[in-house]
């Protein structure tokens, strides 16, 4: 037997995987390949066509596996069957001790709150709201009990549904301190809270202490206080860089969820940033296990999480290709859009906003300039990643809409509800003109060559040249008034500049500028000259994993990622999802 993919497929069918692994020789190599196989076992068992592609993704960039990776790549290419070639690695990370997934037979719908009944049993219940904000029919009156070490889960009636409020209890008014009510009819007692801050509270698992947590004034940071229930003295304090959203406690340890600082383990007076994320967390009574709940329920070893401690990643950019496909932006890296090789590491300022946000779009990737609107315009050379300084710095508040030409060297800025668009050149920042419209616009667009502008108000779009000449007034007035909705897309010009499109209600309306002819589309990406890049002969389904189907052969290749896929506009068979860059080999 040799360590080929064909031999691996035979070994899996006959239960001889260890014999196949023995062919690899070195124990360290065997261990890495074994982990790469195990982490995706459920996936390639369900989608057998995925085995080779997943194994290549997991072993890409690992120096000790370079020769194996190259041999497997050659083998897959020689088969003449569809496969997916990774251009960037998909690292193998230590997974949870146990995982439970919602499905048709075991639904998590309506359940939000995980808590440990014991180290071996996790309970998931509905979040209870006051009757004034939650109708009885909106409540789920069941709970899930997961005996995770046995692999058994049951849904049963929740006995707490009809339970009366107990005392003492902690209440809040939404903002400001939390209050302790010691008995029915007793006055509320304010719990410790930073000046102008906001707090929530809970009892420790043993009931011996109060845990108060929340946000400082203006969301400038977060805190956790351990409070004596009688004297209300603060006995221990944890201060973090962002508001605290939840606290789990057990065995004298805590796990703290924050909005921007990651998930923090507070153990023996020291803070540890844990490499896990979840909307809700729970800690077992002994403090040995952590449960996270986002889409799935997962159980982790706290000791292992502490060993893998890492600082939370800095915020970065969502993946996107430039219009030529030669560059790819991914997080804080500028990459070659065809090979995935790093060109530059970027250092943007992406501090959170206390109110509002950056003007939209907050990111624009032109052929010449990369532009970010956080805290004023930040510019980089789109080819090299070199940061650029403007002679006249520009910044716009969140009620502005911005638009650019294809290069990113010309900028149009419109204040919501105004009818004058200011024009600037970049990277200098110099204002080079103003165009006045009849419409008081809520959004602006610029043609790729920078020759025309369009503003939209409700169902109407007005198009003018950058010199102010009217090109066409399109559409009809609607009753839409006030500020443009955050999710409402700006109008767009077709790539050849002959048409303009705008989202009106739930449809895209597209007008030919020369004739005024109008047509309607459900999706702009389906319209000619507006269409998004897509790999010919492939379809894609994204749920918990991404499943690419090769239409001609019927091959279904799944990858263990589920974010938004972007396709290279010049070579759509090159696809990127978060940090995974691949080539669809059909």
Protein backbone atom coordinates (compact mmCIF):
# COMPACT_ATOMS: atom_id res chain seq x y z
CA UNK A 1 0.00 0.00 0.00
CA UNK A 2 1.17 3.57 -0.74
CA UNK A 3 -0.11 6.79 0.81
CA UNK A 4 -2.08 7.88 -2.25
CA UNK A 5 -5.61 9.26 -2.14
CA UNK A 6 -6.84 6.23 -4.06
CA UNK A 7 -5.31 3.97 -1.39
CA UNK A 8 -6.88 6.14 1.32
CA UNK A 9 -10.34 5.73 -0.23
CA UNK A 10 -9.86 1.94 -0.26
CA UNK A 11 -8.59 1.98 3.33
CA UNK A 12 -11.62 3.95 4.48
CA UNK A 13 -13.92 1.45 2.79
CA UNK A 14 -12.22 -1.52 4.47
CA UNK A 15 -11.41 0.02 7.85
CA UNK A 16 -7.67 -0.06 7.21
CA UNK A 17 -6.93 3.63 7.79
CA UNK A 18 -4.22 2.98 10.38
CA UNK A 19 -2.38 0.77 7.90
CA UNK A 20 -2.60 3.58 5.34
CA UNK A 21 -1.30 6.08 7.89
CA UNK A 22 1.61 3.75 8.67
CA UNK A 23 2.81 4.28 5.10
CA UNK A 24 3.51 7.91 5.97
CA UNK A 25 6.51 6.87 8.08
CA UNK A 26 7.12 9.80 10.41
CA UNK A 27 4.90 9.85 13.52
CA UNK A 28 4.55 13.65 13.50
CA UNK A 29 3.35 13.51 9.88
CA UNK A 30 0.93 10.70 10.70
CA UNK A 31 -0.48 12.70 13.60
CA UNK A 32 -1.09 15.79 11.47
CA UNK A 33 -2.76 13.84 8.66
CA UNK A 34 -4.88 11.88 11.16
CA UNK A 35 -6.14 15.16 12.67
CA UNK A 36 -6.84 16.57 9.21
CA UNK A 37 -8.95 13.51 8.41
CA UNK A 38 -10.79 13.48 11.74
CA UNK A 39 -11.78 17.15 11.75
CA UNK A 40 -13.78 16.77 8.50
CA UNK A 41 -14.87 13.13 8.88
CA UNK A 42 -18.60 13.89 9.09
CA UNK A 43 -18.37 16.13 6.06
CA UNK A 44 -16.58 13.79 3.64
CA UNK A 45 -18.57 10.82 4.91
CA UNK A 46 -21.73 12.62 3.75
CA UNK A 47 -20.07 14.05 0.62
CA UNK A 48 -17.49 11.45 -0.52
CA UNK A 49 -16.34 13.61 -3.47
CA UNK A 50 -14.96 16.05 -0.88
CA UNK A 51 -12.25 13.87 0.67
CA UNK A 52 -9.30 14.91 -1.49
CA UNK A 53 -10.23 18.59 -1.62
CA UNK A 54 -10.69 18.83 2.16
CA UNK A 55 -7.43 17.01 2.84
CA UNK A 56 -5.56 19.37 0.51
CA UNK A 57 -7.07 22.42 2.24
CA UNK A 58 -6.13 21.14 5.70
CA UNK A 59 -2.55 20.25 4.72
CA UNK A 60 -1.81 23.32 2.59
CA UNK A 61 1.08 25.42 3.90
CA UNK A 62 2.26 22.78 6.42
CA UNK A 63 6.00 22.44 5.78
CA UNK A 64 6.25 18.83 6.98
CA UNK A 65 3.45 17.81 4.60
CA UNK A 66 4.63 19.74 1.53
CA UNK A 67 5.71 16.71 -0.52
CA UNK A 68 2.54 14.78 0.32
CA UNK A 69 0.40 17.80 -0.50
CA UNK A 70 2.11 18.18 -3.88
CA UNK A 71 1.72 14.47 -4.67
CA UNK A 72 -1.98 14.51 -3.80
CA UNK A 73 -2.49 17.65 -5.92
CA UNK A 74 -0.92 15.91 -8.94
CA UNK A 75 -3.03 12.80 -8.29
CA UNK A 76 -6.31 14.73 -8.15
CA UNK A 77 -5.44 16.70 -11.29
CA UNK A 78 -4.72 13.47 -13.18
CA UNK A 79 -8.05 11.85 -12.32
CA UNK A 80 -10.09 13.95 -14.71
CA UNK A 81 -12.85 14.46 -12.15
CA UNK A 82 -13.96 17.74 -10.54
CA UNK A 83 -12.07 18.81 -7.43
CA UNK A 84 -11.24 22.01 -5.55
CA UNK A 85 -7.65 23.22 -5.24
CA UNK A 86 -6.81 25.40 -2.22
CA UNK A 87 -4.60 28.46 -2.69
CA UNK A 88 -4.61 29.33 1.02
CA UNK A 89 -4.55 26.89 3.97
CA UNK A 90 -7.48 25.97 6.15
CA UNK A 91 -5.83 25.30 9.53
CA UNK A 92 -6.76 22.36 11.72
CA UNK A 93 -7.79 23.65 15.14
CA UNK A 94 -8.76 21.71 18.22
CA UNK A 95 -12.51 21.25 18.19
CA UNK A 96 -15.05 20.91 20.99
CA UNK A 97 -15.33 17.83 23.18
CA UNK A 98 -18.94 17.41 22.01
CA UNK A 99 -21.33 19.16 19.64
CA UNK A 100 -25.10 19.08 19.19
CA UNK A 101 -26.80 20.38 16.05
CA UNK A 102 -30.38 21.51 15.59
CA UNK A 103 -32.36 19.55 13.00
CA UNK A 104 -35.90 18.45 12.14
CA UNK A 105 -36.03 15.97 15.00
CA UNK A 106 -34.30 18.12 17.63
CA UNK A 107 -35.04 21.79 17.07
CA UNK A 108 -33.37 24.63 18.99
CA UNK A 109 -35.93 27.14 17.72
CA UNK A 110 -37.04 29.45 20.54
CA UNK A 111 -34.35 28.18 22.93
CA UNK A 112 -31.57 30.57 23.90
CA UNK A 113 -30.18 30.03 27.39
CA UNK A 114 -27.65 27.26 28.16
CA UNK A 115 -26.82 26.23 31.72
CA UNK A 116 -25.20 23.19 33.28
CA UNK A 117 -27.37 21.07 35.59
CA UNK A 118 -24.23 19.05 36.31
CA UNK A 119 -20.86 18.60 34.64
CA UNK A 120 -22.41 15.93 32.40
CA UNK A 121 -25.80 17.56 31.68
CA UNK A 122 -26.47 20.80 29.80
CA UNK A 123 -29.95 22.34 29.74
CA UNK A 124 -31.14 24.74 27.03
CA UNK A 125 -34.22 26.82 27.83
CA UNK A 126 -36.20 29.70 26.38
CA UNK A 127 -35.41 33.23 27.45
CA UNK A 128 -38.22 34.55 29.63
CA UNK A 129 -39.45 38.09 29.13
CA UNK A 130 -41.98 40.14 31.05
CA UNK A 131 -45.55 39.54 29.77
CA UNK A 132 -45.68 43.16 28.60
CA UNK A 133 -43.08 42.45 25.89
CA UNK A 134 -43.65 38.74 25.20
CA UNK A 135 -47.01 37.14 24.51
CA UNK A 136 -47.63 33.66 25.96
CA UNK A 137 -47.95 32.12 22.47
CA UNK A 138 -44.46 33.43 21.60
CA UNK A 139 -42.84 31.45 24.41
CA UNK A 140 -41.46 27.99 23.98
CA UNK A 141 -42.60 25.97 26.97
CA UNK A 142 -40.05 23.20 26.52
CA UNK A 143 -36.43 22.69 27.40
CA UNK A 144 -33.64 20.56 25.95
CA UNK A 145 -31.55 18.31 28.21
CA UNK A 146 -28.27 17.16 26.67
CA UNK A 147 -26.33 14.42 28.41
CA UNK A 148 -23.31 15.27 26.32
CA UNK A 149 -20.87 12.63 27.58
CA UNK A 150 -23.44 9.93 26.67
CA UNK A 151 -24.40 11.51 23.34
CA UNK A 152 -28.08 11.65 24.39
CA UNK A 153 -30.50 14.59 24.16
CA UNK A 154 -34.21 14.92 24.96
CA UNK A 155 -36.88 17.60 24.60
CA UNK A 156 -39.34 17.79 27.50
CA UNK A 157 -41.77 20.27 29.12
CA UNK A 158 -40.03 23.02 31.06
CA UNK A 159 -41.23 22.94 34.68
CA UNK A 160 -40.07 26.54 35.19
CA UNK A 161 -42.65 27.91 32.75
CA UNK A 162 -45.44 28.19 35.34
CA UNK A 163 -43.14 29.00 38.26
CA UNK A 164 -43.83 32.21 40.15
CA UNK A 165 -41.11 34.82 40.55
CA UNK A 166 -38.78 34.01 43.42
CA UNK A 167 -37.03 36.33 45.87
CA UNK A 168 -34.52 37.75 46.26
CA UNK A 169 -34.37 38.80 42.61
CA UNK A 170 -32.51 41.30 40.43
CA UNK A 171 -34.25 43.68 38.02
CA UNK A 172 -33.19 46.50 35.68
CA UNK A 173 -34.77 49.51 33.99
CA UNK A 174 -32.90 49.04 30.73
CA UNK A 175 -30.11 51.56 31.36
CA UNK A 176 -28.47 52.43 34.64
CA UNK A 177 -27.84 50.24 37.69
CA UNK A 178 -29.38 46.87 38.48
CA UNK A 179 -31.57 46.60 41.56
CA UNK A 180 -31.91 43.90 44.23
CA UNK A 181 -35.39 43.14 45.60
CA UNK A 182 -34.98 41.04 48.74
CA UNK A 183 -38.64 40.07 49.25
CA UNK A 184 -42.05 40.64 47.70
CA UNK A 185 -43.07 44.23 48.33
CA UNK A 186 -39.61 45.21 49.57
CA UNK A 187 -37.97 48.37 48.15
CA UNK A 188 -35.44 48.10 45.36
CA UNK A 189 -31.81 48.47 46.39
CA UNK A 190 -29.36 49.77 43.78
CA UNK A 191 -26.37 47.50 43.20
CA UNK A 192 -22.86 48.89 42.59
CA UNK A 193 -22.53 50.44 39.13
CA UNK A 194 -20.01 52.87 37.58
CA UNK A 195 -21.19 56.47 37.33
CA UNK A 196 -23.33 56.89 34.18
CA UNK A 197 -22.82 53.19 33.44
CA UNK A 198 -25.32 50.40 32.91
CA UNK A 199 -25.49 47.05 34.67
CA UNK A 200 -27.22 43.70 34.85
CA UNK A 201 -26.93 41.21 37.67
CA UNK A 202 -27.29 37.57 38.65
CA UNK A 203 -26.64 35.32 41.61
CA UNK A 204 -23.61 33.07 41.70
CA UNK A 205 -24.27 29.37 41.24
CA UNK A 206 -24.10 28.75 45.00
CA UNK A 207 -26.14 31.87 45.81
CA UNK A 208 -23.41 33.20 48.07
CA UNK A 209 -22.50 36.25 45.95
CA UNK A 210 -23.99 38.66 43.45
CA UNK A 211 -22.37 39.12 40.05
CA UNK A 212 -22.93 42.55 38.51
CA UNK A 213 -21.69 43.33 34.99
CA UNK A 214 -22.21 45.73 32.12
CA UNK A 215 -20.90 48.87 30.45
CA UNK A 216 -19.17 52.08 31.47
CA UNK A 217 -20.52 55.42 30.29
CA UNK A 218 -20.54 55.85 26.49
CA UNK A 219 -19.64 52.15 26.09
CA UNK A 220 -16.03 53.07 26.88
CA UNK A 221 -15.37 49.74 28.60
CA UNK A 222 -16.90 46.93 30.59
CA UNK A 223 -16.78 45.55 34.10
CA UNK A 224 -17.65 42.60 36.32
CA UNK A 225 -18.15 43.05 40.07
CA UNK A 226 -18.40 40.24 42.61
CA UNK A 227 -20.64 41.68 45.34
CA UNK A 228 -21.44 40.57 48.89
CA UNK A 229 -25.24 40.10 49.01
CA UNK A 230 -25.71 41.66 52.47
CA UNK A 231 -23.24 44.54 52.61
CA UNK A 232 -23.20 45.10 48.81
CA UNK A 233 -19.46 45.59 49.06
CA UNK A 234 -17.50 44.92 45.87
CA UNK A 235 -15.09 42.08 46.66
CA UNK A 236 -13.52 41.50 43.23
CA UNK A 237 -13.43 43.57 40.04
CA UNK A 238 -12.67 42.76 36.42
CA UNK A 239 -12.23 45.69 34.00
CA UNK A 240 -12.20 45.05 30.23
CA UNK A 241 -11.97 47.18 27.09
CA UNK A 242 -15.58 46.76 25.91
CA UNK A 243 -19.05 46.24 27.42
CA UNK A 244 -19.74 42.85 29.04
CA UNK A 245 -22.77 41.04 27.64
CA UNK A 246 -22.88 37.85 29.74
CA UNK A 247 -21.12 36.11 32.63
CA UNK A 248 -20.95 32.38 33.34
CA UNK A 249 -19.68 31.16 36.72
CA UNK A 250 -18.78 27.83 38.27
CA UNK A 251 -16.14 26.24 40.46
CA UNK A 252 -14.75 29.65 41.45
CA UNK A 253 -14.06 30.50 37.82
CA UNK A 254 -15.78 32.79 35.34
CA UNK A 255 -16.18 33.08 31.59
CA UNK A 256 -17.10 36.57 30.40
CA UNK A 257 -18.58 37.46 27.01
CA UNK A 258 -17.79 40.94 25.68
CA UNK A 259 -18.83 42.91 22.63
CA UNK A 260 -15.33 43.65 21.29
CA UNK A 261 -12.72 42.13 23.59
CA UNK A 262 -13.47 38.47 22.93
CA UNK A 263 -14.48 35.76 25.38
CA UNK A 264 -12.48 36.08 28.61
CA UNK A 265 -11.72 33.41 31.18
CA UNK A 266 -11.24 34.89 34.67
CA UNK A 267 -9.29 32.23 36.56
CA UNK A 268 -7.25 32.68 39.75
CA UNK A 269 -7.36 36.45 39.39
CA UNK A 270 -5.91 36.40 35.87
CA UNK A 271 -7.59 37.19 32.55
CA UNK A 272 -7.26 34.79 29.60
CA UNK A 273 -8.72 35.49 26.14
CA UNK A 274 -10.33 32.21 25.05
CA UNK A 275 -10.45 31.12 21.38
CA UNK A 276 -14.22 30.56 21.36
CA UNK A 277 -17.25 32.59 20.38
CA UNK A 278 -20.92 32.19 21.17
CA UNK A 279 -24.03 34.26 21.70
CA UNK A 280 -24.36 32.65 25.14
CA UNK A 281 -21.94 30.74 27.36
CA UNK A 282 -22.22 28.51 30.41
CA UNK A 283 -19.67 27.07 32.85
CA UNK A 284 -20.07 23.68 34.52
CA UNK A 285 -20.40 23.51 38.35
CA UNK A 286 -16.81 22.34 38.75
CA UNK A 287 -15.50 24.96 36.31
CA UNK A 288 -14.08 22.16 34.11
CA UNK A 289 -16.25 22.61 31.01
CA UNK A 290 -17.51 25.57 28.99
CA UNK A 291 -20.61 25.48 26.80
CA UNK A 292 -21.10 27.89 23.91
CA UNK A 293 -24.31 28.41 22.01
CA UNK A 294 -24.56 30.24 18.72
CA UNK A 295 -26.05 28.09 16.00
CA UNK A 296 -24.92 24.82 17.59
CA UNK A 297 -24.27 23.71 21.17
CA UNK A 298 -20.63 22.94 21.89
CA UNK A 299 -18.79 21.68 24.98
CA UNK A 300 -15.14 22.66 25.52
CA UNK A 301 -12.43 21.87 28.06
CA UNK A 302 -11.63 25.09 29.92
CA UNK A 303 -8.08 23.86 30.63
CA UNK A 304 -7.50 23.33 26.90
CA UNK A 305 -8.93 26.76 26.07
CA UNK A 306 -6.62 28.37 28.61
CA UNK A 307 -3.68 26.57 27.02
CA UNK A 308 -4.63 28.01 23.62
CA UNK A 309 -5.07 31.54 24.94
CA UNK A 310 -4.69 34.23 22.28
CA UNK A 311 -5.42 37.91 22.02
CA UNK A 312 -8.65 38.74 20.19
CA UNK A 313 -8.05 39.56 16.53
CA UNK A 314 -8.14 43.17 15.45
CA UNK A 315 -11.15 44.08 13.30
CA UNK A 316 -10.49 43.79 9.58
CA UNK A 317 -12.18 44.00 6.20
CA UNK A 318 -14.69 41.62 4.68
CA UNK A 319 -13.17 39.73 1.71
CA UNK A 320 -13.50 41.36 -1.71
CA UNK A 321 -11.74 41.35 -5.09
CA UNK A 322 -10.81 44.50 -6.96
CA UNK A 323 -12.60 45.02 -10.33
CA UNK A 324 -9.74 43.37 -12.28
CA UNK A 325 -9.48 40.31 -10.06
CA UNK A 326 -5.73 40.85 -9.67
CA UNK A 327 -6.02 41.81 -5.99
CA UNK A 328 -7.93 40.33 -3.06
CA UNK A 329 -8.57 42.06 0.24
CA UNK A 330 -8.99 39.67 3.15
CA UNK A 331 -9.14 40.86 6.76
CA UNK A 332 -5.99 43.03 7.06
CA UNK A 333 -4.09 41.53 4.14
CA UNK A 334 -3.79 42.56 0.51
CA UNK A 335 -3.29 39.41 -1.57
CA UNK A 336 -2.66 38.44 -5.16
CA UNK A 337 -6.16 37.63 -6.42
CA UNK A 338 -5.00 34.65 -8.47
CA UNK A 339 -2.41 32.98 -6.25
CA UNK A 340 -3.30 34.12 -2.73
CA UNK A 341 0.25 35.33 -2.07
CA UNK A 342 0.47 38.18 0.42
CA UNK A 343 1.39 41.55 -1.06
CA UNK A 344 1.00 43.77 2.00
CA UNK A 345 -0.23 43.83 5.57
CA UNK A 346 -2.59 46.76 6.18
CA UNK A 347 -3.08 48.65 9.44
CA UNK A 348 -6.46 50.41 9.21
CA UNK A 349 -8.00 52.41 12.04
CA UNK A 350 -11.33 50.68 12.71
CA UNK A 351 -12.29 52.00 16.12
CA UNK A 352 -15.94 51.49 17.12
CA UNK A 353 -18.41 54.35 16.93
CA UNK A 354 -20.34 55.52 19.97
CA UNK A 355 -23.13 56.77 17.70
CA UNK A 356 -23.83 56.42 14.00
CA UNK A 357 -21.04 54.98 11.91
CA UNK A 358 -18.99 55.64 8.78
CA UNK A 359 -20.63 56.98 5.61
CA UNK A 360 -21.59 54.30 3.12
CA UNK A 361 -20.00 52.47 1.47
CA UNK A 362 -17.51 52.08 4.32
CA UNK A 363 -15.10 50.26 1.97
CA UNK A 364 -14.35 50.72 -1.72
CA UNK A 365 -11.78 48.70 -3.65
CA UNK A 366 -10.91 50.42 -6.92
CA UNK A 367 -8.32 49.50 -9.51
CA UNK A 368 -6.05 52.31 -8.27
CA UNK A 369 -7.09 53.07 -4.67
CA UNK A 370 -8.42 51.13 -1.70
CA UNK A 371 -10.62 53.43 0.41
CA UNK A 372 -11.99 53.04 3.94
CA UNK A 373 -14.29 55.70 5.42
CA UNK A 374 -13.84 54.94 9.15
CA UNK A 375 -12.88 58.07 11.09
CA UNK A 376 -12.16 60.03 7.90
CA UNK A 377 -10.99 58.64 4.57
CA UNK A 378 -8.10 56.16 4.78
CA UNK A 379 -6.35 55.39 1.49
CA UNK A 380 -3.97 52.72 0.22
CA UNK A 381 -2.42 52.02 -3.16
CA UNK A 382 -4.58 49.14 -4.47
CA UNK A 383 -1.60 47.49 -6.20
CA UNK A 384 1.04 47.67 -3.47
CA UNK A 385 -0.91 48.27 -0.24
CA UNK A 386 1.19 51.35 0.53
CA UNK A 387 -0.75 53.82 2.74
CA UNK A 388 -1.39 57.20 1.11
CA UNK A 389 -1.80 60.61 2.71
CA UNK A 390 -4.22 63.24 1.43
CA UNK A 391 -3.05 66.81 1.08
CA UNK A 392 -6.52 67.85 2.22
CA UNK A 393 -7.93 65.25 4.63
CA UNK A 394 -11.59 64.39 4.08
CA UNK A 395 -14.20 63.00 6.42
CA UNK A 396 -17.97 62.66 6.22
CA UNK A 397 -20.61 61.82 8.88
CA UNK A 398 -22.87 58.80 8.62
CA UNK A 399 -25.74 60.67 6.93
CA UNK A 400 -23.66 60.99 3.76
CA UNK A 401 -23.59 58.56 0.83
CA UNK A 402 -20.38 58.30 -1.21
CA UNK A 403 -19.68 56.99 -4.70
CA UNK A 404 -16.50 56.40 -6.71
CA UNK A 405 -15.33 55.76 -10.25
CA UNK A 406 -13.75 52.41 -11.16
CA UNK A 407 -10.26 53.54 -10.17
CA UNK A 408 -11.32 55.08 -6.89
CA UNK A 409 -9.63 58.32 -7.94
CA UNK A 410 -12.87 60.35 -8.12
CA UNK A 411 -15.29 60.72 -5.21
CA UNK A 412 -18.89 61.98 -5.12
CA UNK A 413 -20.44 62.93 -1.76
CA UNK A 414 -24.14 63.54 -1.08
CA UNK A 415 -25.70 64.59 2.21
CA UNK A 416 -29.01 62.82 2.76
CA UNK A 417 -31.93 65.04 1.76
CA UNK A 418 -29.78 67.58 -0.13
CA UNK A 419 -29.63 68.17 -3.89
CA UNK A 420 -25.95 69.10 -4.34
CA UNK A 421 -23.23 66.51 -4.91
CA UNK A 422 -19.64 67.51 -4.16
CA UNK A 423 -16.86 66.05 -6.35
CA UNK A 424 -13.32 65.39 -5.10
CA UNK A 425 -10.19 63.92 -6.61
CA UNK A 426 -8.19 61.32 -4.74
CA UNK A 427 -5.68 60.89 -3.24
CA UNK A 428 -5.25 64.68 -2.99
CA UNK A 429 -8.71 65.26 -1.49
CA UNK A 430 -9.12 68.47 -3.52
CA UNK A 431 -12.69 69.44 -4.41
CA UNK A 432 -13.05 69.71 -8.17
CA UNK A 433 -16.72 70.49 -8.67
CA UNK A 434 -20.35 70.54 -7.55
CA UNK A 435 -23.41 69.21 -9.36
CA UNK A 436 -26.91 70.40 -8.46
CA UNK A 437 -29.91 68.12 -8.97
CA UNK A 438 -33.65 68.79 -8.91
CA UNK A 439 -34.16 65.81 -6.61
CA UNK A 440 -33.22 66.03 -2.95
CA UNK A 441 -31.40 62.71 -2.99
CA UNK A 442 -31.00 59.98 -0.39
CA UNK A 443 -28.21 58.11 -2.24
CA UNK A 444 -25.72 58.75 -5.03
CA UNK A 445 -23.97 56.65 -7.69
CA UNK A 446 -21.12 57.35 -10.12
CA UNK A 447 -20.52 55.72 -13.51
CA UNK A 448 -17.36 53.60 -13.74
CA UNK A 449 -15.65 56.13 -16.01
CA UNK A 450 -16.61 59.01 -13.69
CA UNK A 451 -18.64 60.79 -16.38
CA UNK A 452 -22.13 60.63 -14.81
CA UNK A 453 -23.85 60.83 -11.44
CA UNK A 454 -27.24 59.52 -10.32
CA UNK A 455 -29.21 60.43 -7.21
CA UNK A 456 -32.23 58.53 -5.91
CA UNK A 457 -35.16 59.69 -3.83
CA UNK A 458 -37.85 57.06 -3.31
CA UNK A 459 -38.85 55.68 -6.72
CA UNK A 460 -37.18 58.43 -8.76
CA UNK A 461 -33.64 58.59 -10.13
CA UNK A 462 -32.08 61.65 -11.75
CA UNK A 463 -28.96 61.24 -13.91
CA UNK A 464 -26.61 64.11 -14.81
CA UNK A 465 -23.12 64.46 -16.22
CA UNK A 466 -20.39 65.58 -13.85
CA UNK A 467 -20.65 68.96 -15.62
CA UNK A 468 -24.32 69.28 -14.59
CA UNK A 469 -26.14 68.47 -17.85
CA UNK A 470 -29.37 66.47 -17.39
CA UNK A 471 -29.18 62.98 -18.93
CA UNK A 472 -32.55 61.56 -17.86
CA UNK A 473 -35.11 61.59 -15.04
CA UNK A 474 -36.32 58.03 -14.41
CA UNK A 475 -39.08 56.40 -12.37
CA UNK A 476 -42.01 57.79 -10.47
CA UNK A 477 -42.38 59.55 -7.15
CA UNK A 478 -43.31 57.32 -4.21
CA UNK A 479 -44.45 58.04 -0.69
CA UNK A 480 -41.02 57.08 0.65
CA UNK A 481 -39.80 59.95 2.84
CA UNK A 482 -37.16 60.57 5.47
CA UNK A 483 -33.71 59.08 5.71
CA UNK A 484 -32.57 56.23 3.54
CA UNK A 485 -32.71 52.88 5.33
CA UNK A 486 -29.31 51.50 6.34
CA UNK A 487 -29.95 48.31 4.35
CA UNK A 488 -31.21 50.13 1.24
CA UNK A 489 -28.60 49.82 -1.54
CA UNK A 490 -27.52 52.87 -3.51
CA UNK A 491 -28.36 53.08 -7.24
CA UNK A 492 -25.88 51.57 -9.68
CA UNK A 493 -24.72 52.23 -13.22
CA UNK A 494 -24.19 49.31 -15.59
CA UNK A 495 -20.57 48.61 -16.43
CA UNK A 496 -20.96 50.11 -19.91
CA UNK A 497 -22.70 53.22 -18.50
CA UNK A 498 -25.79 52.78 -20.70
CA UNK A 499 -28.22 51.89 -17.91
CA UNK A 500 -28.93 52.84 -14.32
CA UNK A 501 -30.62 50.65 -11.69
CA UNK A 502 -32.27 51.44 -8.37
CA UNK A 503 -33.92 49.38 -5.67
CA UNK A 504 -37.56 50.50 -5.31
CA UNK A 505 -39.60 48.69 -2.68
CA UNK A 506 -38.64 45.03 -3.16
CA UNK A 507 -37.63 45.12 -6.85
CA UNK A 508 -34.75 46.43 -8.94
CA UNK A 509 -35.83 48.84 -11.67
CA UNK A 510 -33.42 49.26 -14.58
CA UNK A 511 -33.65 52.12 -17.07
CA UNK A 512 -31.89 52.47 -20.44
CA UNK A 513 -30.60 56.04 -20.45
CA UNK A 514 -30.88 56.62 -24.20
CA UNK A 515 -34.53 55.55 -24.54
CA UNK A 516 -35.95 55.60 -21.01
CA UNK A 517 -37.07 51.98 -21.38
CA UNK A 518 -37.68 50.34 -17.99
CA UNK A 519 -37.53 46.73 -16.88
CA UNK A 520 -37.84 45.04 -13.49
CA UNK A 521 -35.64 42.35 -11.91
CA UNK A 522 -35.85 40.55 -8.57
CA UNK A 523 -32.04 40.44 -8.32
CA UNK A 524 -29.65 42.91 -9.89
CA UNK A 525 -27.05 40.18 -10.18
CA UNK A 526 -29.25 38.43 -12.77
CA UNK A 527 -29.30 41.41 -15.14
CA UNK A 528 -26.89 41.69 -18.07
CA UNK A 529 -24.00 44.11 -17.46
CA UNK A 530 -24.83 44.16 -13.76
CA UNK A 531 -24.31 40.43 -13.21
CA UNK A 532 -22.02 39.26 -10.44
CA UNK A 533 -19.17 36.93 -11.42
CA UNK A 534 -20.10 33.25 -11.20
CA UNK A 535 -18.20 30.07 -12.15
CA UNK A 536 -19.79 28.49 -15.22
CA UNK A 537 -21.05 24.95 -14.70
CA UNK A 538 -21.14 25.10 -10.89
CA UNK A 539 -23.90 25.69 -8.33
CA UNK A 540 -23.43 26.50 -4.65
CA UNK A 541 -25.45 25.79 -1.51
CA UNK A 542 -24.33 27.35 1.79
CA UNK A 543 -25.64 26.27 5.17
CA UNK A 544 -23.34 24.95 7.88
CA UNK A 545 -20.94 23.96 5.11
CA UNK A 546 -20.51 25.07 1.50
CA UNK A 547 -21.48 22.49 -1.13
CA UNK A 548 -20.30 23.06 -4.71
CA UNK A 549 -22.07 20.91 -7.31
CA UNK A 550 -20.45 20.32 -10.70
CA UNK A 551 -23.47 20.30 -13.01
CA UNK A 552 -22.03 18.14 -15.81
CA UNK A 553 -20.78 15.31 -13.59
CA UNK A 554 -23.05 15.70 -10.57
CA UNK A 555 -20.02 15.71 -8.23
CA UNK A 556 -20.80 17.39 -4.90
CA UNK A 557 -17.79 18.81 -3.09
CA UNK A 558 -18.31 20.26 0.37
CA UNK A 559 -15.92 22.57 2.23
CA UNK A 560 -16.11 23.20 6.00
CA UNK A 561 -16.74 26.96 5.75
CA UNK A 562 -20.04 28.82 5.50
CA UNK A 563 -19.40 32.54 5.03
CA UNK A 564 -20.12 34.66 1.98
CA UNK A 565 -18.36 33.47 -1.17
CA UNK A 566 -16.82 36.00 -3.57
CA UNK A 567 -15.74 35.06 -7.11
CA UNK A 568 -12.87 36.63 -9.01
CA UNK A 569 -14.41 38.96 -11.64
CA UNK A 570 -11.74 38.03 -14.21
CA UNK A 571 -11.56 34.30 -13.42
CA UNK A 572 -14.76 33.28 -11.59
CA UNK A 573 -13.47 29.74 -10.97
CA UNK A 574 -11.25 31.39 -8.30
CA UNK A 575 -13.40 31.76 -5.18
CA UNK A 576 -12.82 33.18 -1.70
CA UNK A 577 -14.71 32.69 1.56
CA UNK A 578 -13.17 34.48 4.54
CA UNK A 579 -9.56 33.23 4.57
CA UNK A 580 -10.09 30.23 2.25
CA UNK A 581 -9.11 30.90 -1.37
CA UNK A 582 -9.72 28.05 -3.84
CA UNK A 583 -9.87 27.18 -7.53
CA UNK A 584 -12.82 25.13 -8.80
CA UNK A 585 -11.30 22.51 -11.08
CA UNK A 586 -14.05 21.28 -13.41
